[in-house]
Protein backbone atom coordinates (compact mmCIF):
# COMPACT_ATOMS: atom_id res chain seq x y z
CA MET A 1 42.85 248.87 -75.23
CA LYS A 2 39.16 247.69 -74.64
CA LYS A 3 39.70 245.31 -78.20
CA GLY A 4 43.05 243.95 -75.74
CA ILE A 5 40.95 243.21 -72.81
CA THR A 6 38.52 241.21 -74.59
CA LEU A 7 40.86 239.55 -76.67
CA GLY A 8 42.29 238.39 -73.39
CA LEU A 9 39.03 237.26 -71.23
CA LEU A 10 37.95 235.61 -74.44
CA THR A 11 41.06 233.80 -74.38
CA LEU A 12 40.68 232.99 -70.99
CA LEU A 13 37.13 231.90 -71.24
CA MET A 14 37.73 229.40 -73.56
CA SER A 15 40.93 228.50 -72.10
CA THR A 16 38.76 227.55 -69.27
CA SER A 17 35.85 225.90 -71.21
CA ALA A 18 38.55 223.52 -72.85
CA PHE A 19 39.95 222.53 -69.16
CA ALA A 20 36.26 221.65 -67.97
CA ASN A 21 35.64 219.30 -70.49
CA HIS A 22 38.92 217.41 -69.47
CA LEU A 23 37.20 215.93 -66.14
CA VAL A 24 34.19 213.38 -66.30
CA THR A 25 32.39 212.14 -63.22
CA VAL A 26 29.85 209.42 -64.05
CA THR A 27 27.45 208.03 -61.43
CA VAL A 28 26.99 204.70 -61.80
CA LYS A 29 24.37 201.99 -61.28
CA GLY A 30 25.33 198.61 -60.98
CA MET A 31 28.90 198.78 -59.57
CA VAL A 32 28.95 196.61 -56.80
CA CYS A 33 32.72 194.36 -56.55
CA SER A 34 36.31 194.70 -57.51
CA PHE A 35 35.70 192.73 -60.59
CA CYS A 36 32.87 195.58 -61.82
CA ALA A 37 35.89 198.16 -61.28
CA GLN A 38 38.15 196.26 -62.97
CA GLY A 39 36.33 195.65 -65.73
CA ILE A 40 35.02 199.44 -66.26
CA THR A 41 38.67 200.38 -65.97
CA LYS A 42 39.76 198.44 -68.29
CA LYS A 43 36.90 199.01 -71.08
CA PHE A 44 37.89 203.20 -70.71
CA ASN A 45 41.41 202.57 -70.42
CA THR A 46 41.26 201.25 -74.18
CA GLU A 47 39.19 204.36 -75.45
CA ASP A 48 42.40 206.67 -77.25
CA ALA A 49 40.54 209.88 -75.51
CA VAL A 50 41.01 208.75 -71.70
CA ARG A 51 44.06 209.47 -69.93
CA LYS A 52 43.24 208.19 -66.25
CA VAL A 53 40.04 206.49 -64.92
CA ASP A 54 39.54 206.39 -61.08
CA VAL A 55 36.48 204.14 -59.71
CA SER A 56 34.79 204.97 -56.08
CA LEU A 57 32.68 201.86 -55.57
CA LYS A 58 31.42 203.43 -52.08
CA ASP A 59 30.46 206.74 -54.22
CA HIS A 60 29.50 204.74 -57.76
CA LEU A 61 31.33 206.72 -59.62
CA VAL A 62 33.88 206.67 -62.50
CA SER A 63 35.92 209.88 -63.21
CA LEU A 64 37.70 210.32 -66.21
CA GLU A 65 40.22 212.34 -67.03
CA VAL A 66 40.31 213.19 -70.69
CA LYS A 67 43.43 214.04 -72.82
CA GLU A 68 43.77 217.32 -74.03
CA GLY A 69 42.44 217.79 -77.66
CA LYS A 70 40.71 214.67 -77.36
CA GLU A 71 36.60 214.47 -76.63
CA LEU A 72 34.56 211.53 -75.13
CA THR A 73 31.09 211.98 -75.70
CA ASP A 74 28.31 211.78 -73.23
CA ALA A 75 26.68 209.33 -75.48
CA SER A 76 30.15 206.93 -76.23
CA ILE A 77 30.23 207.30 -72.06
CA ASP A 78 26.91 205.80 -71.98
CA LYS A 79 27.66 203.36 -74.40
CA ILE A 80 30.31 201.66 -72.87
CA LEU A 81 28.69 201.53 -69.68
CA LYS A 82 25.40 200.00 -71.11
CA ASP A 83 27.64 197.65 -73.21
CA ALA A 84 29.49 196.61 -70.10
CA GLY A 85 25.91 196.00 -67.97
CA TYR A 86 25.72 199.12 -66.15
CA THR A 87 23.42 202.27 -65.88
CA VAL A 88 24.59 205.96 -66.28
CA GLU A 89 22.68 208.24 -63.63
CA LYS A 90 24.66 211.17 -64.33
CA ILE A 91 27.50 212.78 -65.97
CA GLU A 92 28.86 216.08 -64.62
CA ARG A 93 32.18 217.60 -66.52
CA LYS A 94 33.97 220.00 -64.30
């Protein structure tokens, strides 16, 4: 019985952890116009791991939905945005 409960809890924790990594919110410095939002969206849409991109100019946030089974590292997010001329302030995973 204990073994079954432990296995069940472990499975739940692993699935919750995997789901949490599928939503990434990035606080970005330097986004000021719709052209910025369009360029950032275009850059992330070329990434195989990205399912969906939402940009909020008001909040200076880029929200990324990562495809199941794919990975988008903080380093790659930082590089994409730096190459586009922006500065990453914070990356959060949910």
